[in-house]
Amino acid sequence: MERIEAARSYIQQGYSILPVLPGDKRPAVEWKQYQERLPTDAEIVVWLTKWPTANIGIITGRISGITVVDVDGAIGLSSINAQPIKPPATRVVKTPKGWHLYYQYREDWHTGAGFLPGIDLRNDGGYVVAPPSVVNGTEYRVFRDVP
């Protein structure tokens, strides 16, 4: 029930979501359509009934209004700290390997890996695994909840 409530909460916040295979980071469904529309409550119930331990992914980009900076461990923190301008305070999710920093959607930022050592971006065409997901025994959790 926790996952269904979390999924519904994400939809209420305007985020498009998808089920992610239990204990994994791969989508459990073909998800291109959810980059263009929000899933229905009926779809969420079907997904989380079929995969009750599925993780929840939030689709990034225009559909959800967010761009996420993925900071991987000490290397990613070093990259952020070495920049002359510090990132503004925002919602931060602790991941098994680091942190996800959620920002308002930026059309000019593109999904990709290695923008800086340990720094990836998730935007149009991407997604992030979100709380209350668990991968390799480690849960995703909100570390700081700032809009």
N, C-alpha and C. Protein backbone atom coordinates (compact mmCIF):
# COMPACT_ATOMS: atom_id res chain seq x y z
N MET A 1 0.81 -1.20 0.00
CA MET A 1 0.00 0.00 0.00
C MET A 1 0.86 1.27 0.00
N GLU A 2 2.03 1.20 0.66
CA GLU A 2 2.92 2.36 0.72
C GLU A 2 3.30 2.84 -0.68
N ARG A 3 3.57 1.90 -1.58
CA ARG A 3 3.98 2.28 -2.92
C ARG A 3 2.83 2.92 -3.70
N ILE A 4 1.62 2.38 -3.55
CA ILE A 4 0.47 2.97 -4.24
C ILE A 4 0.25 4.39 -3.73
N GLU A 5 0.33 4.59 -2.43
CA GLU A 5 0.16 5.93 -1.86
C GLU A 5 1.26 6.87 -2.37
N ALA A 6 2.49 6.39 -2.42
CA ALA A 6 3.60 7.22 -2.93
C ALA A 6 3.36 7.56 -4.40
N ALA A 7 2.96 6.57 -5.19
CA ALA A 7 2.70 6.80 -6.62
C ALA A 7 1.61 7.85 -6.80
N ARG A 8 0.54 7.72 -6.04
CA ARG A 8 -0.56 8.69 -6.13
C ARG A 8 -0.09 10.09 -5.70
N SER A 9 0.73 10.15 -4.69
CA SER A 9 1.26 11.43 -4.24
C SER A 9 2.10 12.09 -5.34
N TYR A 10 2.92 11.31 -6.02
CA TYR A 10 3.73 11.86 -7.11
C TYR A 10 2.84 12.40 -8.23
N ILE A 11 1.79 11.66 -8.56
CA ILE A 11 0.86 12.12 -9.60
C ILE A 11 0.20 13.44 -9.16
N GLN A 12 -0.19 13.52 -7.89
CA GLN A 12 -0.82 14.75 -7.37
C GLN A 12 0.15 15.93 -7.44
N GLN A 13 1.45 15.66 -7.35
CA GLN A 13 2.46 16.71 -7.45
C GLN A 13 2.74 17.09 -8.90
N GLY A 14 2.11 16.36 -9.84
CA GLY A 14 2.30 16.65 -11.25
C GLY A 14 3.40 15.84 -11.91
N TYR A 15 3.93 14.84 -11.22
CA TYR A 15 5.01 14.02 -11.78
C TYR A 15 4.43 12.83 -12.53
N SER A 16 4.97 12.54 -13.70
CA SER A 16 4.63 11.31 -14.40
C SER A 16 5.52 10.21 -13.84
N ILE A 17 4.96 9.03 -13.63
CA ILE A 17 5.72 7.95 -13.02
C ILE A 17 5.66 6.69 -13.86
N LEU A 18 6.49 5.74 -13.49
CA LEU A 18 6.48 4.42 -14.11
C LEU A 18 6.93 3.41 -13.06
N PRO A 19 6.51 2.14 -13.20
CA PRO A 19 7.01 1.13 -12.29
C PRO A 19 8.40 0.69 -12.74
N VAL A 20 9.25 0.46 -11.78
CA VAL A 20 10.62 0.02 -12.05
C VAL A 20 10.76 -1.36 -11.42
N LEU A 21 11.39 -2.29 -12.13
CA LEU A 21 11.48 -3.67 -11.65
C LEU A 21 11.99 -3.73 -10.21
N PRO A 22 11.40 -4.60 -9.40
CA PRO A 22 11.81 -4.72 -8.00
C PRO A 22 13.31 -4.98 -7.86
N GLY A 23 13.93 -4.21 -6.96
CA GLY A 23 15.36 -4.38 -6.71
C GLY A 23 16.24 -3.97 -7.87
N ASP A 24 15.70 -3.24 -8.82
CA ASP A 24 16.40 -2.93 -10.06
C ASP A 24 16.18 -1.46 -10.39
N LYS A 25 16.71 -1.03 -11.52
CA LYS A 25 16.48 0.33 -11.99
C LYS A 25 15.91 0.35 -13.40
N ARG A 26 15.47 -0.82 -13.89
CA ARG A 26 14.92 -0.90 -15.26
C ARG A 26 13.40 -0.78 -15.24
N PRO A 27 12.83 -0.05 -16.22
CA PRO A 27 11.38 0.07 -16.29
C PRO A 27 10.71 -1.30 -16.44
N ALA A 28 9.56 -1.46 -15.77
CA ALA A 28 8.79 -2.70 -15.86
C ALA A 28 7.80 -2.64 -17.02
N VAL A 29 7.61 -1.46 -17.60
CA VAL A 29 6.67 -1.27 -18.71
C VAL A 29 7.35 -0.46 -19.81
N GLU A 30 6.75 -0.51 -21.00
CA GLU A 30 7.17 0.40 -22.08
C GLU A 30 6.72 1.79 -21.65
N TRP A 31 7.65 2.73 -21.52
CA TRP A 31 7.31 3.97 -20.82
C TRP A 31 7.31 5.23 -21.67
N LYS A 32 7.53 5.11 -22.95
CA LYS A 32 7.56 6.31 -23.80
C LYS A 32 6.28 7.13 -23.68
N GLN A 33 5.12 6.46 -23.64
CA GLN A 33 3.85 7.20 -23.57
C GLN A 33 3.75 8.05 -22.31
N TYR A 34 4.42 7.62 -21.23
CA TYR A 34 4.33 8.36 -19.97
C TYR A 34 5.27 9.57 -19.94
N GLN A 35 6.02 9.74 -21.03
CA GLN A 35 6.79 10.97 -21.21
C GLN A 35 5.89 12.07 -21.78
N GLU A 36 4.67 11.66 -22.20
CA GLU A 36 3.74 12.59 -22.82
C GLU A 36 2.42 12.71 -22.08
N ARG A 37 2.15 11.78 -21.14
CA ARG A 37 0.91 11.83 -20.37
C ARG A 37 1.14 11.19 -19.01
N LEU A 38 0.33 11.60 -18.04
CA LEU A 38 0.41 11.00 -16.71
C LEU A 38 -0.32 9.66 -16.72
N PRO A 39 0.18 8.68 -15.99
CA PRO A 39 -0.57 7.43 -15.89
C PRO A 39 -1.85 7.65 -15.09
N THR A 40 -2.84 6.81 -15.37
CA THR A 40 -4.10 6.90 -14.63
C THR A 40 -3.97 6.16 -13.31
N ASP A 41 -4.90 6.42 -12.42
CA ASP A 41 -4.93 5.70 -11.14
C ASP A 41 -5.11 4.20 -11.39
N ALA A 42 -5.94 3.84 -12.37
CA ALA A 42 -6.16 2.43 -12.69
C ALA A 42 -4.85 1.77 -13.13
N GLU A 43 -4.05 2.47 -13.94
CA GLU A 43 -2.76 1.90 -14.37
C GLU A 43 -1.84 1.69 -13.17
N ILE A 44 -1.81 2.65 -12.27
CA ILE A 44 -0.96 2.53 -11.07
C ILE A 44 -1.37 1.31 -10.26
N VAL A 45 -2.67 1.13 -10.06
CA VAL A 45 -3.15 -0.01 -9.29
C VAL A 45 -2.79 -1.32 -9.98
N VAL A 46 -2.96 -1.40 -11.30
CA VAL A 46 -2.58 -2.62 -12.04
C VAL A 46 -1.09 -2.90 -11.88
N TRP A 47 -0.26 -1.88 -12.09
CA TRP A 47 1.19 -2.07 -11.97
C TRP A 47 1.58 -2.58 -10.60
N LEU A 48 1.10 -1.91 -9.57
CA LEU A 48 1.56 -2.24 -8.22
C LEU A 48 0.83 -3.43 -7.63
N THR A 49 -0.20 -3.91 -8.30
CA THR A 49 -0.79 -5.20 -7.95
C THR A 49 0.03 -6.31 -8.60
N LYS A 50 0.41 -6.10 -9.85
CA LYS A 50 1.23 -7.08 -10.56
C LYS A 50 2.63 -7.18 -9.96
N TRP A 51 3.22 -6.03 -9.59
CA TRP A 51 4.56 -5.98 -9.01
C TRP A 51 4.48 -5.24 -7.67
N PRO A 52 4.01 -5.89 -6.61
CA PRO A 52 3.80 -5.17 -5.34
C PRO A 52 5.08 -4.61 -4.72
N THR A 53 6.23 -5.13 -5.11
CA THR A 53 7.49 -4.59 -4.57
C THR A 53 8.24 -3.77 -5.62
N ALA A 54 7.51 -3.36 -6.67
CA ALA A 54 8.14 -2.54 -7.72
C ALA A 54 8.64 -1.23 -7.13
N ASN A 55 9.72 -0.76 -7.69
CA ASN A 55 10.20 0.57 -7.36
C ASN A 55 9.39 1.57 -8.18
N ILE A 56 9.50 2.83 -7.80
CA ILE A 56 8.78 3.90 -8.51
C ILE A 56 9.81 4.79 -9.18
N GLY A 57 9.59 5.03 -10.46
CA GLY A 57 10.42 5.97 -11.19
C GLY A 57 9.62 7.23 -11.48
N ILE A 58 10.29 8.36 -11.42
CA ILE A 58 9.68 9.63 -11.82
C ILE A 58 10.31 10.02 -13.14
N ILE A 59 9.46 10.24 -14.13
CA ILE A 59 9.95 10.65 -15.44
C ILE A 59 10.30 12.13 -15.36
N THR A 60 11.52 12.43 -15.77
CA THR A 60 12.01 13.80 -15.69
C THR A 60 11.68 14.56 -16.98
N GLY A 61 11.90 15.85 -16.94
CA GLY A 61 11.68 16.67 -18.12
C GLY A 61 10.37 17.43 -18.08
N ARG A 62 9.96 17.86 -19.25
CA ARG A 62 8.79 18.73 -19.39
C ARG A 62 7.54 18.12 -18.75
N ILE A 63 7.28 16.82 -18.95
CA ILE A 63 6.05 16.19 -18.46
C ILE A 63 5.89 16.36 -16.95
N SER A 64 6.99 16.27 -16.21
CA SER A 64 6.93 16.38 -14.75
C SER A 64 7.39 17.74 -14.23
N GLY A 65 7.93 18.55 -15.13
CA GLY A 65 8.38 19.89 -14.72
C GLY A 65 9.66 19.90 -13.91
N ILE A 66 10.47 18.81 -14.03
CA ILE A 66 11.71 18.74 -13.25
C ILE A 66 12.90 18.30 -14.09
N THR A 67 14.04 18.80 -13.68
CA THR A 67 15.34 18.36 -14.17
C THR A 67 16.10 17.90 -12.93
N VAL A 68 16.70 16.73 -12.99
CA VAL A 68 17.37 16.18 -11.81
C VAL A 68 18.87 16.05 -12.08
N VAL A 69 19.65 16.57 -11.13
CA VAL A 69 21.11 16.41 -11.16
C VAL A 69 21.41 15.19 -10.29
N ASP A 70 22.07 14.20 -10.88
CA ASP A 70 22.43 12.95 -10.20
C ASP A 70 23.88 13.05 -9.76
N VAL A 71 24.10 13.11 -8.46
CA VAL A 71 25.44 13.27 -7.89
C VAL A 71 25.87 11.92 -7.32
N ASP A 72 26.90 11.32 -7.91
CA ASP A 72 27.36 10.01 -7.47
C ASP A 72 28.54 10.12 -6.51
N GLY A 73 28.26 9.86 -5.25
CA GLY A 73 29.28 9.71 -4.21
C GLY A 73 30.24 10.87 -4.05
N ALA A 74 31.41 10.54 -3.50
CA ALA A 74 32.44 11.55 -3.20
C ALA A 74 32.95 12.23 -4.46
N ILE A 75 33.03 11.49 -5.56
CA ILE A 75 33.51 12.08 -6.81
C ILE A 75 32.54 13.18 -7.27
N GLY A 76 31.24 12.88 -7.22
CA GLY A 76 30.24 13.87 -7.61
C GLY A 76 30.23 15.08 -6.68
N LEU A 77 30.35 14.82 -5.37
CA LEU A 77 30.41 15.94 -4.42
C LEU A 77 31.62 16.82 -4.69
N SER A 78 32.76 16.21 -4.99
CA SER A 78 33.96 16.98 -5.30
C SER A 78 33.74 17.85 -6.53
N SER A 79 33.08 17.29 -7.53
CA SER A 79 32.79 18.06 -8.75
C SER A 79 31.90 19.25 -8.44
N ILE A 80 30.86 19.04 -7.65
CA ILE A 80 29.95 20.14 -7.28
C ILE A 80 30.71 21.20 -6.48
N ASN A 81 31.48 20.75 -5.49
CA ASN A 81 32.19 21.69 -4.62
C ASN A 81 33.29 22.47 -5.34
N ALA A 82 33.79 21.93 -6.45
CA ALA A 82 34.84 22.62 -7.20
C ALA A 82 34.29 23.72 -8.10
N GLN A 83 32.98 23.79 -8.25
CA GLN A 83 32.38 24.80 -9.12
C GLN A 83 32.34 26.15 -8.41
N PRO A 84 32.54 27.23 -9.17
CA PRO A 84 32.53 28.57 -8.55
C PRO A 84 31.14 28.98 -8.05
N ILE A 85 30.09 28.43 -8.64
CA ILE A 85 28.73 28.75 -8.22
C ILE A 85 28.13 27.49 -7.62
N LYS A 86 27.62 27.62 -6.43
CA LYS A 86 27.02 26.48 -5.73
C LYS A 86 25.57 26.30 -6.16
N PRO A 87 25.10 25.06 -6.26
CA PRO A 87 23.70 24.86 -6.65
C PRO A 87 22.75 25.37 -5.56
N PRO A 88 21.62 25.94 -5.98
CA PRO A 88 20.66 26.43 -5.00
C PRO A 88 20.03 25.29 -4.20
N ALA A 89 19.56 25.62 -3.01
CA ALA A 89 18.88 24.63 -2.16
C ALA A 89 17.66 24.10 -2.91
N THR A 90 17.40 22.82 -2.77
CA THR A 90 16.30 22.17 -3.46
C THR A 90 15.96 20.87 -2.77
N ARG A 91 14.96 20.16 -3.29
CA ARG A 91 14.66 18.82 -2.78
C ARG A 91 15.84 17.91 -3.12
N VAL A 92 16.29 17.17 -2.12
CA VAL A 92 17.40 16.23 -2.30
C VAL A 92 16.94 14.85 -1.85
N VAL A 93 17.15 13.86 -2.70
CA VAL A 93 16.86 12.47 -2.37
C VAL A 93 18.17 11.73 -2.22
N LYS A 94 18.34 11.05 -1.10
CA LYS A 94 19.51 10.20 -0.87
C LYS A 94 19.29 8.91 -1.63
N THR A 95 20.25 8.53 -2.46
CA THR A 95 20.20 7.31 -3.26
C THR A 95 21.24 6.33 -2.73
N PRO A 96 21.22 5.09 -3.19
CA PRO A 96 22.25 4.16 -2.73
C PRO A 96 23.68 4.62 -3.03
N LYS A 97 23.89 5.37 -4.11
CA LYS A 97 25.23 5.80 -4.50
C LYS A 97 25.51 7.29 -4.28
N GLY A 98 24.50 8.07 -3.94
CA GLY A 98 24.73 9.51 -3.82
C GLY A 98 23.45 10.26 -3.55
N TRP A 99 23.16 11.26 -4.42
CA TRP A 99 22.03 12.14 -4.20
C TRP A 99 21.40 12.53 -5.53
N HIS A 100 20.11 12.77 -5.52
CA HIS A 100 19.39 13.38 -6.64
C HIS A 100 18.96 14.77 -6.19
N LEU A 101 19.32 15.78 -6.96
CA LEU A 101 18.91 17.15 -6.69
C LEU A 101 17.84 17.53 -7.71
N TYR A 102 16.64 17.82 -7.22
CA TYR A 102 15.49 18.11 -8.08
C TYR A 102 15.41 19.62 -8.31
N TYR A 103 15.34 20.01 -9.60
CA TYR A 103 15.19 21.41 -9.97
C TYR A 103 14.03 21.59 -10.93
N GLN A 104 13.54 22.83 -10.99
CA GLN A 104 12.51 23.16 -11.97
C GLN A 104 13.05 22.84 -13.36
N TYR A 105 12.19 22.35 -14.21
CA TYR A 105 12.55 21.94 -15.58
C TYR A 105 13.29 23.03 -16.33
N ARG A 106 14.38 22.61 -16.96
CA ARG A 106 15.18 23.49 -17.82
C ARG A 106 15.24 22.86 -19.21
N GLU A 107 14.59 23.48 -20.16
CA GLU A 107 14.54 22.94 -21.51
C GLU A 107 15.93 22.83 -22.14
N ASP A 108 16.85 23.70 -21.75
CA ASP A 108 18.17 23.74 -22.37
C ASP A 108 19.16 22.74 -21.75
N TRP A 109 18.75 22.01 -20.74
CA TRP A 109 19.61 20.98 -20.16
C TRP A 109 19.20 19.63 -20.74
N HIS A 110 20.16 18.77 -21.01
CA HIS A 110 19.88 17.52 -21.71
C HIS A 110 20.29 16.30 -20.87
N THR A 111 19.48 15.26 -20.95
CA THR A 111 19.78 14.01 -20.27
C THR A 111 21.11 13.47 -20.76
N GLY A 112 21.95 13.04 -19.83
CA GLY A 112 23.22 12.45 -20.21
C GLY A 112 24.08 12.17 -19.00
N ALA A 113 25.18 11.50 -19.25
CA ALA A 113 26.09 11.09 -18.17
C ALA A 113 27.44 11.78 -18.32
N GLY A 114 28.10 11.97 -17.19
CA GLY A 114 29.47 12.45 -17.19
C GLY A 114 29.64 13.90 -17.57
N PHE A 115 28.69 14.77 -17.23
CA PHE A 115 28.87 16.19 -17.51
C PHE A 115 30.06 16.73 -16.73
N LEU A 116 30.23 16.22 -15.55
CA LEU A 116 31.41 16.41 -14.71
C LEU A 116 31.66 15.05 -14.07
N PRO A 117 32.84 14.79 -13.54
CA PRO A 117 33.05 13.50 -12.89
C PRO A 117 31.99 13.27 -11.79
N GLY A 118 31.27 12.16 -11.92
CA GLY A 118 30.25 11.81 -10.94
C GLY A 118 28.96 12.59 -11.04
N ILE A 119 28.76 13.32 -12.14
CA ILE A 119 27.55 14.15 -12.31
C ILE A 119 26.84 13.77 -13.61
N ASP A 120 25.58 13.33 -13.48
CA ASP A 120 24.72 13.04 -14.61
C ASP A 120 23.49 13.94 -14.52
N LEU A 121 22.81 14.13 -15.64
CA LEU A 121 21.57 14.91 -15.67
C LEU A 121 20.45 14.04 -16.20
N ARG A 122 19.28 14.19 -15.61
CA ARG A 122 18.08 13.51 -16.08
C ARG A 122 17.06 14.59 -16.40
N ASN A 123 16.65 14.60 -17.66
CA ASN A 123 15.69 15.60 -18.14
C ASN A 123 14.80 14.91 -19.16
N ASP A 124 14.38 15.58 -20.23
CA ASP A 124 13.53 14.94 -21.23
C ASP A 124 14.16 13.62 -21.68
N GLY A 125 13.33 12.57 -21.69
CA GLY A 125 13.81 11.25 -22.10
C GLY A 125 14.47 10.46 -20.98
N GLY A 126 14.43 10.97 -19.76
CA GLY A 126 15.05 10.27 -18.64
C GLY A 126 14.09 10.06 -17.49
N TYR A 127 14.57 9.37 -16.49
CA TYR A 127 13.79 9.18 -15.26
C TYR A 127 14.76 8.90 -14.12
N VAL A 128 14.25 9.04 -12.91
CA VAL A 128 15.02 8.70 -11.71
C VAL A 128 14.19 7.77 -10.85
N VAL A 129 14.85 6.91 -10.12
CA VAL A 129 14.19 6.08 -9.13
C VAL A 129 13.94 6.96 -7.91
N ALA A 130 12.77 6.80 -7.29
CA ALA A 130 12.35 7.72 -6.23
C ALA A 130 11.91 6.96 -4.98
N PRO A 131 11.87 7.66 -3.83
CA PRO A 131 11.35 7.03 -2.60
C PRO A 131 9.92 6.54 -2.82
N PRO A 132 9.52 5.45 -2.22
CA PRO A 132 10.20 4.61 -1.23
C PRO A 132 10.94 3.42 -1.84
N SER A 133 11.49 3.59 -3.03
CA SER A 133 12.16 2.49 -3.73
C SER A 133 13.35 1.96 -2.95
N VAL A 134 13.69 0.69 -3.23
CA VAL A 134 14.84 0.03 -2.61
C VAL A 134 15.62 -0.67 -3.71
N VAL A 135 16.93 -0.40 -3.79
CA VAL A 135 17.81 -1.07 -4.74
C VAL A 135 19.00 -1.61 -3.97
N ASN A 136 19.29 -2.88 -4.17
CA ASN A 136 20.41 -3.55 -3.47
C ASN A 136 20.33 -3.36 -1.96
N GLY A 137 19.10 -3.43 -1.44
CA GLY A 137 18.91 -3.35 0.01
C GLY A 137 18.99 -1.95 0.59
N THR A 138 19.20 -0.94 -0.24
CA THR A 138 19.29 0.44 0.25
C THR A 138 18.11 1.23 -0.29
N GLU A 139 17.42 1.93 0.61
CA GLU A 139 16.24 2.67 0.18
C GLU A 139 16.59 4.09 -0.26
N TYR A 140 15.78 4.57 -1.16
CA TYR A 140 15.81 5.98 -1.57
C TYR A 140 14.96 6.72 -0.55
N ARG A 141 15.46 7.86 -0.06
CA ARG A 141 14.69 8.62 0.93
C ARG A 141 14.94 10.11 0.73
N VAL A 142 13.92 10.89 1.09
CA VAL A 142 14.06 12.34 1.02
C VAL A 142 15.04 12.77 2.09
N PHE A 143 16.10 13.44 1.67
CA PHE A 143 17.15 13.92 2.56
C PHE A 143 16.85 15.35 3.01
N ARG A 144 16.40 16.17 2.02
CA ARG A 144 16.02 17.56 2.30
C ARG A 144 14.82 17.87 1.42
N ASP A 145 13.77 18.40 1.99
CA ASP A 145 12.55 18.66 1.24
C ASP A 145 12.32 20.15 1.09
N VAL A 146 13.01 20.74 0.14
CA VAL A 146 12.88 22.16 -0.19
C VAL A 146 12.34 22.23 -1.61
N PRO A 147 11.30 23.05 -1.83
CA PRO A 147 10.73 23.12 -3.21
C PRO A 147 11.77 23.52 -4.24
